[in-house]
Amino acid sequence: AAGVTASPSTTSSAPTGGDPSSAASLTVAKDAKLGSLVIDG
């Protein structure tokens, strides 16, 4: 299902930085040069 989110234990509110815990709900975005690529939640 679209829009599924990761559990609280695996989600961080910080979009960057050294915290290895990141939103683990994956989807696809389009980049002008690279085409389809995977992004996190």
PDB file of all heavy atoms in Angstrom:
ATOM      1  N   ALA A   1       0.825  -1.200   0.000  1.00  0.00           N
ATOM      2  CA  ALA A   1       0.000   0.000   0.000  1.00  0.00           C
ATOM      3  C   ALA A   1       0.856   1.246   0.000  1.00  0.00           C
ATOM      4  O   ALA A   1       1.885   1.316   0.664  1.00  0.00           O
ATOM      5  CB  ALA A   1      -0.901  -0.004   1.238  1.00  0.00           C
ATOM      6  N   ALA A   2       0.442   2.235  -0.781  1.00  0.00           N
ATOM      7  CA  ALA A   2       1.161   3.505  -0.810  1.00  0.00           C
ATOM      8  C   ALA A   2       1.002   4.202   0.532  1.00  0.00           C
ATOM      9  O   ALA A   2      -0.011   4.111   1.196  1.00  0.00           O
ATOM     10  CB  ALA A   2       0.614   4.379  -1.938  1.00  0.00           C
ATOM     11  N   GLY A   3       2.049   4.928   0.913  1.00  0.00           N
ATOM     12  CA  GLY A   3       1.945   5.734   2.116  1.00  0.00           C
ATOM     13  C   GLY A   3       2.193   4.966   3.396  1.00  0.00           C
ATOM     14  O   GLY A   3       1.996   5.511   4.479  1.00  0.00           O
ATOM     15  N   VAL A   4       2.630   3.721   3.319  1.00  0.00           N
ATOM     16  CA  VAL A   4       2.923   2.966   4.531  1.00  0.00           C
ATOM     17  C   VAL A   4       4.113   3.605   5.223  1.00  0.00           C
ATOM     18  O   VAL A   4       5.096   3.965   4.590  1.00  0.00           O
ATOM     19  CB  VAL A   4       3.251   1.500   4.198  1.00  0.00           C
ATOM     20  CG1 VAL A   4       3.632   0.747   5.458  1.00  0.00           C
ATOM     21  CG2 VAL A   4       2.051   0.853   3.542  1.00  0.00           C
ATOM     22  N   THR A   5       4.073   3.768   6.512  1.00  0.00           N
ATOM     23  CA  THR A   5       5.159   4.405   7.238  1.00  0.00           C
ATOM     24  C   THR A   5       5.901   3.401   8.089  1.00  0.00           C
ATOM     25  O   THR A   5       5.385   2.345   8.441  1.00  0.00           O
ATOM     26  CB  THR A   5       4.620   5.516   8.156  1.00  0.00           C
ATOM     27  OG1 THR A   5       3.671   4.959   9.051  1.00  0.00           O
ATOM     28  CG2 THR A   5       3.959   6.619   7.341  1.00  0.00           C
ATOM     29  N   ALA A   6       7.131   3.734   8.418  1.00  0.00           N
ATOM     30  CA  ALA A   6       7.928   2.859   9.252  1.00  0.00           C
ATOM     31  C   ALA A   6       7.447   2.943  10.694  1.00  0.00           C
ATOM     32  O   ALA A   6       6.799   3.904  11.105  1.00  0.00           O
ATOM     33  CB  ALA A   6       9.401   3.276   9.187  1.00  0.00           C
ATOM     34  N   SER A   7       7.765   1.915  11.466  1.00  0.00           N
ATOM     35  CA  SER A   7       7.383   1.922  12.864  1.00  0.00           C
ATOM     36  C   SER A   7       8.174   2.992  13.603  1.00  0.00           C
ATOM     37  O   SER A   7       9.263   3.381  13.180  1.00  0.00           O
ATOM     38  CB  SER A   7       7.669   0.553  13.486  1.00  0.00           C
ATOM     39  OG  SER A   7       9.055   0.289  13.451  1.00  0.00           O
ATOM     40  N   PRO A   8       7.666   3.486  14.733  1.00  0.00           N
ATOM     41  CA  PRO A   8       8.380   4.536  15.464  1.00  0.00           C
ATOM     42  C   PRO A   8       9.809   4.164  15.803  1.00  0.00           C
ATOM     43  O   PRO A   8      10.679   5.017  15.840  1.00  0.00           O
ATOM     44  CB  PRO A   8       7.532   4.716  16.732  1.00  0.00           C
ATOM     45  CG  PRO A   8       6.160   4.273  16.325  1.00  0.00           C
ATOM     46  CD  PRO A   8       6.374   3.160  15.339  1.00  0.00           C
ATOM     47  N   SER A   9      10.071   2.881  16.032  1.00  0.00           N
ATOM     48  CA  SER A   9      11.417   2.474  16.428  1.00  0.00           C
ATOM     49  C   SER A   9      12.420   2.601  15.297  1.00  0.00           C
ATOM     50  O   SER A   9      13.616   2.573  15.535  1.00  0.00           O
ATOM     51  CB  SER A   9      11.393   1.021  16.926  1.00  0.00           C
ATOM     52  OG  SER A   9      11.006   0.155  15.881  1.00  0.00           O
ATOM     53  N   THR A  10      11.951   2.750  14.054  1.00  0.00           N
ATOM     54  CA  THR A  10      12.879   2.821  12.927  1.00  0.00           C
ATOM     55  C   THR A  10      12.808   4.152  12.211  1.00  0.00           C
ATOM     56  O   THR A  10      13.387   4.310  11.160  1.00  0.00           O
ATOM     57  CB  THR A  10      12.566   1.706  11.920  1.00  0.00           C
ATOM     58  OG1 THR A  10      11.232   1.884  11.438  1.00  0.00           O
ATOM     59  CG2 THR A  10      12.715   0.346  12.528  1.00  0.00           C
ATOM     60  N   THR A  11      12.094   5.129  12.784  1.00  0.00           N
ATOM     61  CA  THR A  11      11.907   6.401  12.104  1.00  0.00           C
ATOM     62  C   THR A  11      12.595   7.515  12.872  1.00  0.00           C
ATOM     63  O   THR A  11      12.491   7.615  14.080  1.00  0.00           O
ATOM     64  CB  THR A  11      10.406   6.729  11.979  1.00  0.00           C
ATOM     65  OG1 THR A  11       9.757   5.655  11.319  1.00  0.00           O
ATOM     66  CG2 THR A  11      10.191   8.006  11.199  1.00  0.00           C
ATOM     67  N   SER A  12      13.298   8.358  12.158  1.00  0.00           N
ATOM     68  CA  SER A  12      13.917   9.528  12.741  1.00  0.00           C
ATOM     69  C   SER A  12      13.318  10.763  12.116  1.00  0.00           C
ATOM     70  O   SER A  12      13.035  10.796  10.931  1.00  0.00           O
ATOM     71  CB  SER A  12      15.434   9.509  12.498  1.00  0.00           C
ATOM     72  OG  SER A  12      16.003  10.754  12.859  1.00  0.00           O
ATOM     73  N   SER A  13      13.124  11.826  12.913  1.00  0.00           N
ATOM     74  CA  SER A  13      12.575  13.060  12.367  1.00  0.00           C
ATOM     75  C   SER A  13      13.632  13.869  11.644  1.00  0.00           C
ATOM     76  O   SER A  13      13.317  14.796  10.916  1.00  0.00           O
ATOM     77  CB  SER A  13      11.959  13.896  13.496  1.00  0.00           C
ATOM     78  OG  SER A  13      12.945  14.212  14.465  1.00  0.00           O
ATOM     79  N   ALA A  14      14.891  13.564  11.840  1.00  0.00           N
ATOM     80  CA  ALA A  14      15.968  14.315  11.191  1.00  0.00           C
ATOM     81  C   ALA A  14      16.191  13.801   9.794  1.00  0.00           C
ATOM     82  O   ALA A  14      16.434  12.624   9.588  1.00  0.00           O
ATOM     83  CB  ALA A  14      17.252  14.187  12.004  1.00  0.00           C
ATOM     84  N   PRO A  15      16.143  14.681   8.770  1.00  0.00           N
ATOM     85  CA  PRO A  15      16.310  14.220   7.404  1.00  0.00           C
ATOM     86  C   PRO A  15      17.742  13.928   7.030  1.00  0.00           C
ATOM     87  O   PRO A  15      18.009  13.312   6.032  1.00  0.00           O
ATOM     88  CB  PRO A  15      15.751  15.387   6.581  1.00  0.00           C
ATOM     89  CG  PRO A  15      15.977  16.587   7.444  1.00  0.00           C
ATOM     90  CD  PRO A  15      15.808  16.111   8.836  1.00  0.00           C
ATOM     91  N   THR A  16      18.716  14.403   7.792  1.00  0.00           N
ATOM     92  CA  THR A  16      20.120  14.207   7.442  1.00  0.00           C
ATOM     93  C   THR A  16      20.905  13.915   8.697  1.00  0.00           C
ATOM     94  O   THR A  16      20.383  13.876   9.801  1.00  0.00           O
ATOM     95  CB  THR A  16      20.699  15.460   6.767  1.00  0.00           C
ATOM     96  OG1 THR A  16      20.608  16.553   7.689  1.00  0.00           O
ATOM     97  CG2 THR A  16      19.939  15.803   5.504  1.00  0.00           C
ATOM     98  N   GLY A  17      22.248  13.758   8.503  1.00  0.00           N
ATOM     99  CA  GLY A  17      23.129  13.593   9.634  1.00  0.00           C
ATOM    100  C   GLY A  17      23.549  12.169   9.843  1.00  0.00           C
ATOM    101  O   GLY A  17      23.298  11.298   9.036  1.00  0.00           O
ATOM    102  N   GLY A  18      24.208  11.911  10.981  1.00  0.00           N
ATOM    103  CA  GLY A  18      24.811  10.619  11.210  1.00  0.00           C
ATOM    104  C   GLY A  18      23.900   9.572  11.801  1.00  0.00           C
ATOM    105  O   GLY A  18      24.319   8.447  11.972  1.00  0.00           O
ATOM    106  N   ASP A  19      22.694   9.930  12.202  1.00  0.00           N
ATOM    107  CA  ASP A  19      21.791   8.932  12.779  1.00  0.00           C
ATOM    108  C   ASP A  19      21.425   7.892  11.734  1.00  0.00           C
ATOM    109  O   ASP A  19      20.803   8.213  10.731  1.00  0.00           O
ATOM    110  CB  ASP A  19      20.520   9.628  13.267  1.00  0.00           C
ATOM    111  CG  ASP A  19      19.564   8.660  13.954  1.00  0.00           C
ATOM    112  OD1 ASP A  19      19.881   7.460  14.017  1.00  0.00           O
ATOM    113  OD2 ASP A  19      18.513   9.117  14.411  1.00  0.00           O
ATOM    114  N   PRO A  20      21.832   6.619  11.918  1.00  0.00           N
ATOM    115  CA  PRO A  20      21.564   5.612  10.898  1.00  0.00           C
ATOM    116  C   PRO A  20      20.115   5.199  10.818  1.00  0.00           C
ATOM    117  O   PRO A  20      19.709   4.521   9.890  1.00  0.00           O
ATOM    118  CB  PRO A  20      22.449   4.433  11.323  1.00  0.00           C
ATOM    119  CG  PRO A  20      22.580   4.597  12.800  1.00  0.00           C
ATOM    120  CD  PRO A  20      22.606   6.081  13.039  1.00  0.00           C
ATOM    121  N   SER A  21      19.297   5.572  11.823  1.00  0.00           N
ATOM    122  CA  SER A  21      17.875   5.263  11.755  1.00  0.00           C
ATOM    123  C   SER A  21      17.200   6.279  10.847  1.00  0.00           C
ATOM    124  O   SER A  21      17.257   7.468  11.082  1.00  0.00           O
ATOM    125  CB  SER A  21      17.254   5.331  13.151  1.00  0.00           C
ATOM    126  OG  SER A  21      17.786   4.328  13.975  1.00  0.00           O
ATOM    127  N   SER A  22      16.576   5.814   9.798  1.00  0.00           N
ATOM    128  CA  SER A  22      15.891   6.710   8.874  1.00  0.00           C
ATOM    129  C   SER A  22      14.530   6.147   8.560  1.00  0.00           C
ATOM    130  O   SER A  22      14.256   4.978   8.804  1.00  0.00           O
ATOM    131  CB  SER A  22      16.697   6.872   7.583  1.00  0.00           C
ATOM    132  OG  SER A  22      16.834   5.636   6.943  1.00  0.00           O
ATOM    133  N   ALA A  23      13.649   6.994   8.045  1.00  0.00           N
ATOM    134  CA  ALA A  23      12.325   6.509   7.679  1.00  0.00           C
ATOM    135  C   ALA A  23      12.469   5.400   6.666  1.00  0.00           C
ATOM    136  O   ALA A  23      13.035   5.589   5.599  1.00  0.00           O
ATOM    137  CB  ALA A  23      11.502   7.660   7.108  1.00  0.00           C
ATOM    138  N   ALA A  24      11.979   4.214   6.996  1.00  0.00           N
ATOM    139  CA  ALA A  24      12.257   3.028   6.190  1.00  0.00           C
ATOM    140  C   ALA A  24      11.112   2.647   5.282  1.00  0.00           C
ATOM    141  O   ALA A  24      11.056   1.525   4.807  1.00  0.00           O
ATOM    142  CB  ALA A  24      12.609   1.857   7.108  1.00  0.00           C
ATOM    143  N   SER A  25      10.195   3.566   5.046  1.00  0.00           N
ATOM    144  CA  SER A  25       9.157   3.326   4.054  1.00  0.00           C
ATOM    145  C   SER A  25       9.653   3.866   2.729  1.00  0.00           C
ATOM    146  O   SER A  25       9.883   5.068   2.588  1.00  0.00           O
ATOM    147  CB  SER A  25       7.855   4.024   4.462  1.00  0.00           C
ATOM    148  OG  SER A  25       6.871   3.836   3.471  1.00  0.00           O
ATOM    149  N   LEU A  26       9.861   2.983   1.756  1.00  0.00           N
ATOM    150  CA  LEU A  26      10.521   3.368   0.515  1.00  0.00           C
ATOM    151  C   LEU A  26       9.523   3.680  -0.587  1.00  0.00           C
ATOM    152  O   LEU A  26       8.426   3.138  -0.632  1.00  0.00           O
ATOM    153  CB  LEU A  26      11.446   2.238   0.048  1.00  0.00           C
ATOM    154  CG  LEU A  26      12.405   1.651   1.090  1.00  0.00           C
ATOM    155  CD1 LEU A  26      13.308   0.626   0.425  1.00  0.00           C
ATOM    156  CD2 LEU A  26      13.210   2.730   1.777  1.00  0.00           C
ATOM    157  N   THR A  27       9.936   4.543  -1.485  1.00  0.00           N
ATOM    158  CA  THR A  27       9.162   4.818  -2.678  1.00  0.00           C
ATOM    159  C   THR A  27      10.135   5.234  -3.779  1.00  0.00           C
ATOM    160  O   THR A  27      11.344   5.147  -3.616  1.00  0.00           O
ATOM    161  CB  THR A  27       8.091   5.896  -2.426  1.00  0.00           C
ATOM    162  OG1 THR A  27       7.216   5.964  -3.554  1.00  0.00           O
ATOM    163  CG2 THR A  27       8.706   7.263  -2.182  1.00  0.00           C
ATOM    164  N   VAL A  28       9.591   5.683  -4.907  1.00  0.00           N
ATOM    165  CA  VAL A  28      10.425   6.016  -6.063  1.00  0.00           C
ATOM    166  C   VAL A  28      10.186   7.465  -6.452  1.00  0.00           C
ATOM    167  O   VAL A  28       9.050   7.946  -6.435  1.00  0.00           O
ATOM    168  CB  VAL A  28      10.090   5.092  -7.260  1.00  0.00           C
ATOM    169  CG1 VAL A  28      10.863   5.507  -8.509  1.00  0.00           C
ATOM    170  CG2 VAL A  28      10.427   3.641  -6.906  1.00  0.00           C
ATOM    171  N   ALA A  29      11.257   8.168  -6.771  1.00  0.00           N
ATOM    172  CA  ALA A  29      11.180   9.524  -7.297  1.00  0.00           C
ATOM    173  C   ALA A  29      11.928   9.576  -8.619  1.00  0.00           C
ATOM    174  O   ALA A  29      12.708   8.670  -8.949  1.00  0.00           O
ATOM    175  CB  ALA A  29      11.770  10.522  -6.305  1.00  0.00           C
ATOM    176  N   LYS A  30      11.683  10.623  -9.384  1.00  0.00           N
ATOM    177  CA  LYS A  30      12.337  10.792 -10.679  1.00  0.00           C
ATOM    178  C   LYS A  30      13.356  11.916 -10.594  1.00  0.00           C
ATOM    179  O   LYS A  30      13.057  13.008 -10.119  1.00  0.00           O
ATOM    180  CB  LYS A  30      11.305  11.120 -11.763  1.00  0.00           C
ATOM    181  CG  LYS A  30      10.285  10.024 -12.000  1.00  0.00           C
ATOM    182  CD  LYS A  30      10.905   8.812 -12.621  1.00  0.00           C
ATOM    183  CE  LYS A  30      10.658   8.743 -14.086  1.00  0.00           C
ATOM    184  NZ  LYS A  30      11.166   7.491 -14.682  1.00  0.00           N
ATOM    185  N   ASP A  31      14.551  11.621 -11.038  1.00  0.00           N
ATOM    186  CA  ASP A  31      15.598  12.624 -11.129  1.00  0.00           C
ATOM    187  C   ASP A  31      15.841  12.942 -12.602  1.00  0.00           C
ATOM    188  O   ASP A  31      15.826  12.042 -13.448  1.00  0.00           O
ATOM    189  CB  ASP A  31      16.886  12.102 -10.482  1.00  0.00           C
ATOM    190  CG  ASP A  31      18.018  13.107 -10.541  1.00  0.00           C
ATOM    191  OD1 ASP A  31      18.068  13.989  -9.669  1.00  0.00           O
ATOM    192  OD2 ASP A  31      18.841  13.012 -11.480  1.00  0.00           O
ATOM    193  N   ALA A  32      16.057  14.213 -12.916  1.00  0.00           N
ATOM    194  CA  ALA A  32      16.186  14.639 -14.302  1.00  0.00           C
ATOM    195  C   ALA A  32      17.316  13.912 -15.029  1.00  0.00           C
ATOM    196  O   ALA A  32      17.218  13.629 -16.222  1.00  0.00           O
ATOM    197  CB  ALA A  32      16.403  16.146 -14.372  1.00  0.00           C
ATOM    198  N   LYS A  33      18.403  13.576 -14.327  1.00  0.00           N
ATOM    199  CA  LYS A  33      19.546  12.919 -14.960  1.00  0.00           C
ATOM    200  C   LYS A  33      19.576  11.415 -14.717  1.00  0.00           C
ATOM    201  O   LYS A  33      19.975  10.650 -15.597  1.00  0.00           O
ATOM    202  CB  LYS A  33      20.846  13.551 -14.457  1.00  0.00           C
ATOM    203  CG  LYS A  33      21.057  14.993 -14.897  1.00  0.00           C
ATOM    204  CD  LYS A  33      22.399  15.517 -14.422  1.00  0.00           C
ATOM    205  CE  LYS A  33      22.626  16.945 -14.903  1.00  0.00           C
ATOM    206  NZ  LYS A  33      23.935  17.490 -14.432  1.00  0.00           N
ATOM    207  N   LEU A  34      19.168  11.004 -13.538  1.00  0.00           N
ATOM    208  CA  LEU A  34      19.328   9.597 -13.151  1.00  0.00           C
ATOM    209  C   LEU A  34      18.076   8.769 -13.387  1.00  0.00           C
ATOM    210  O   LEU A  34      18.129   7.546 -13.317  1.00  0.00           O
ATOM    211  CB  LEU A  34      19.726   9.508 -11.676  1.00  0.00           C
ATOM    212  CG  LEU A  34      21.024  10.228 -11.285  1.00  0.00           C
ATOM    213  CD1 LEU A  34      21.268  10.088  -9.793  1.00  0.00           C
ATOM    214  CD2 LEU A  34      22.195   9.703 -12.087  1.00  0.00           C
ATOM    215  N   GLY A  35      16.959   9.410 -13.657  1.00  0.00           N
ATOM    216  CA  GLY A  35      15.722   8.666 -13.853  1.00  0.00           C
ATOM    217  C   GLY A  35      15.144   8.215 -12.529  1.00  0.00           C
ATOM    218  O   GLY A  35      15.233   8.917 -11.512  1.00  0.00           O
ATOM    219  N   SER A  36      14.564   7.022 -12.497  1.00  0.00           N
ATOM    220  CA  SER A  36      13.913   6.511 -11.287  1.00  0.00           C
ATOM    221  C   SER A  36      14.945   6.101 -10.252  1.00  0.00           C
ATOM    222  O   SER A  36      15.898   5.382 -10.554  1.00  0.00           O
ATOM    223  CB  SER A  36      13.034   5.307 -11.636  1.00  0.00           C
ATOM    224  OG  SER A  36      11.987   5.671 -12.507  1.00  0.00           O
ATOM    225  N   LEU A  37      14.756   6.566  -9.031  1.00  0.00           N
ATOM    226  CA  LEU A  37      15.640   6.169  -7.936  1.00  0.00           C
ATOM    227  C   LEU A  37      14.825   6.017  -6.660  1.00  0.00           C
ATOM    228  O   LEU A  37      13.726   6.549  -6.531  1.00  0.00           O
ATOM    229  CB  LEU A  37      16.791   7.151  -7.760  1.00  0.00           C
ATOM    230  CG  LEU A  37      16.497   8.655  -7.722  1.00  0.00           C
ATOM    231  CD1 LEU A  37      15.960   9.069  -6.373  1.00  0.00           C
ATOM    232  CD2 LEU A  37      17.753   9.443  -8.053  1.00  0.00           C
ATOM    233  N   VAL A  38      15.382   5.275  -5.721  1.00  0.00           N
ATOM    234  CA  VAL A  38      14.686   4.963  -4.473  1.00  0.00           C
ATOM    235  C   VAL A  38      14.944   6.069  -3.456  1.00  0.00           C
ATOM    236  O   VAL A  38      16.077   6.543  -3.307  1.00  0.00           O
ATOM    237  CB  VAL A  38      15.155   3.610  -3.911  1.00  0.00           C
ATOM    238  CG1 VAL A  38      14.429   3.290  -2.606  1.00  0.00           C
ATOM    239  CG2 VAL A  38      14.916   2.497  -4.927  1.00  0.00           C
ATOM    240  N   ILE A  39      13.877   6.473  -2.767  1.00  0.00           N
ATOM    241  CA  ILE A  39      14.006   7.437  -1.680  1.00  0.00           C
ATOM    242  C   ILE A  39      13.321   6.870  -0.443  1.00  0.00           C
ATOM    243  O   ILE A  39      12.513   5.953  -0.529  1.00  0.00           O
ATOM    244  CB  ILE A  39      13.390   8.798  -2.048  1.00  0.00           C
ATOM    245  CG1 ILE A  39      11.899   8.673  -2.357  1.00  0.00           C
ATOM    246  CG2 ILE A  39      14.128   9.417  -3.231  1.00  0.00           C
ATOM    247  CD1 ILE A  39      11.206  10.002  -2.608  1.00  0.00           C
ATOM    248  N   ASP A  40      13.662   7.442   0.706  1.00  0.00           N
ATOM    249  CA  ASP A  40      13.048   6.965   1.944  1.00  0.00           C
ATOM    250  C   ASP A  40      11.795   7.773   2.271  1.00  0.00           C
ATOM    251  O   ASP A  40      11.364   8.629   1.488  1.00  0.00           O
ATOM    252  CB  ASP A  40      14.063   6.972   3.099  1.00  0.00           C
ATOM    253  CG  ASP A  40      14.491   8.380   3.517  1.00  0.00           C
ATOM    254  OD1 ASP A  40      13.844   9.375   3.102  1.00  0.00           O
ATOM    255  OD2 ASP A  40      15.474   8.494   4.281  1.00  0.00           O
ATOM    256  N   GLY A  41      11.204   7.493   3.428  1.00  0.00           N
ATOM    257  CA  GLY A  41       9.974   8.157   3.810  1.00  0.00           C
ATOM    258  C   GLY A  41      10.128   9.633   4.082  1.00  0.00           C
ATOM    259  O   GLY A  41       9.140  10.352   4.199  1.00  0.00           O
TER     260      GLY A  41
END
